[in-house]
Amino acid sequence: MLILESLLGVQLSGDLMSFNPCIPMIWGSYQIEYRYRSTMYHIGVHNAGTGIKSVVVDGIVQADNTVHLVDDEGEHRVMVELGV
């Protein structure tokens, strides 16, 4: 969990996931598989700079740049774009 939070910048608070990555620019992108109860989240992070440019969940841009985790026993795709 330490690597997930400190390096990859995934922060969990109840059913809310936010992002604050601290990764080198040489990392073009990375993926995380995260299970929330009975639901799988496939998270892709595209590194184009610092700061969160956008967070998209199942094709829908999240206005608050966070993921509201739900336990619907499904699978969800999350795309995080870095570089403000």
Protein backbone atom coordinates (compact mmCIF):
# COMPACT_ATOMS: atom_id res chain seq x y z
CA MET A 1 0.00 0.00 0.00
CA LEU A 2 2.93 2.35 0.67
CA ILE A 3 4.12 2.24 -2.98
CA LEU A 4 0.54 2.73 -4.20
CA GLU A 5 0.19 5.91 -2.16
CA SER A 6 3.67 7.44 -2.06
CA LEU A 7 5.00 6.77 -5.56
CA LEU A 8 1.96 6.09 -7.72
CA GLY A 9 -0.07 8.70 -5.87
CA VAL A 10 -3.31 6.76 -5.40
CA GLN A 11 -5.05 8.02 -2.29
CA LEU A 12 -8.07 6.27 -0.79
CA SER A 13 -10.56 7.78 1.61
CA GLY A 14 -13.64 5.63 2.15
CA ASP A 15 -15.27 5.20 -1.26
CA LEU A 16 -13.27 8.01 -2.88
CA MET A 17 -10.05 7.57 -4.88
CA SER A 18 -7.88 10.54 -5.80
CA PHE A 19 -4.50 10.85 -7.48
CA ASN A 20 -1.29 12.73 -6.74
CA PRO A 21 1.50 10.80 -8.50
CA CYS A 22 5.18 11.54 -7.97
CA ILE A 23 6.70 9.60 -10.86
CA PRO A 24 9.68 10.33 -13.11
CA MET A 25 9.00 11.85 -16.55
CA ILE A 26 10.67 8.82 -18.15
CA TRP A 27 7.59 6.80 -17.17
CA GLY A 28 5.29 7.43 -20.11
CA SER A 29 2.40 5.52 -18.58
CA TYR A 30 1.50 2.80 -16.12
CA GLN A 31 -1.47 0.66 -15.18
CA ILE A 32 -2.95 -0.38 -11.86
CA GLU A 33 -5.51 -3.09 -11.17
CA TYR A 34 -7.48 -2.23 -8.04
CA ARG A 35 -10.25 -4.29 -6.46
CA TYR A 36 -12.84 -2.45 -4.39
CA ARG A 37 -14.88 -5.11 -2.61
CA SER A 38 -16.39 -7.13 -5.51
CA THR A 39 -15.60 -4.59 -8.23
CA MET A 40 -12.45 -4.33 -10.36
CA TYR A 41 -11.01 -0.98 -11.46
CA HIS A 42 -8.55 -0.95 -14.37
CA ILE A 43 -6.61 2.29 -14.03
CA GLY A 44 -4.33 3.71 -16.70
CA VAL A 45 -2.16 6.75 -16.00
CA HIS A 46 -0.65 8.71 -18.90
CA ASN A 47 2.29 10.87 -17.84
CA ALA A 48 2.58 14.12 -19.81
CA GLY A 49 3.75 16.36 -16.96
CA THR A 50 2.83 17.28 -13.42
CA GLY A 51 -0.63 17.76 -11.98
CA ILE A 52 -3.91 16.08 -12.87
CA LYS A 53 -5.26 17.15 -16.24
CA SER A 54 -8.28 14.83 -16.24
CA VAL A 55 -9.82 11.71 -14.75
CA VAL A 56 -12.22 9.71 -16.92
CA VAL A 57 -14.29 6.81 -15.57
CA ASP A 58 -16.01 4.58 -18.13
CA GLY A 59 -15.81 7.38 -20.70
CA ILE A 60 -17.19 10.09 -18.41
CA VAL A 61 -14.95 13.01 -17.37
CA GLN A 62 -14.99 13.47 -13.60
CA ALA A 63 -15.42 17.16 -12.74
CA ASP A 64 -13.67 16.75 -9.38
CA ASN A 65 -10.81 14.58 -10.79
CA THR A 66 -11.67 11.75 -8.38
CA VAL A 67 -13.17 8.28 -8.70
CA HIS A 68 -16.27 7.55 -6.65
CA LEU A 69 -15.87 3.83 -5.98
CA VAL A 70 -18.97 1.67 -6.25
CA ASP A 71 -19.40 -2.00 -5.42
CA ASP A 72 -21.53 -3.16 -8.35
CA GLU A 73 -19.58 -6.39 -9.01
CA GLY A 74 -18.59 -5.04 -12.43
CA GLU A 75 -15.43 -3.76 -14.05
CA HIS A 76 -14.62 -0.10 -14.63
CA ARG A 77 -12.02 1.66 -16.74
CA VAL A 78 -10.29 4.72 -15.35
CA MET A 79 -7.93 6.94 -17.34
CA VAL A 80 -5.86 9.54 -15.54
CA GLU A 81 -4.13 12.16 -17.69
CA LEU A 82 -1.24 14.06 -16.11
CA GLY A 83 0.09 17.40 -17.30
CA VAL A 84 -1.77 20.61 -16.60
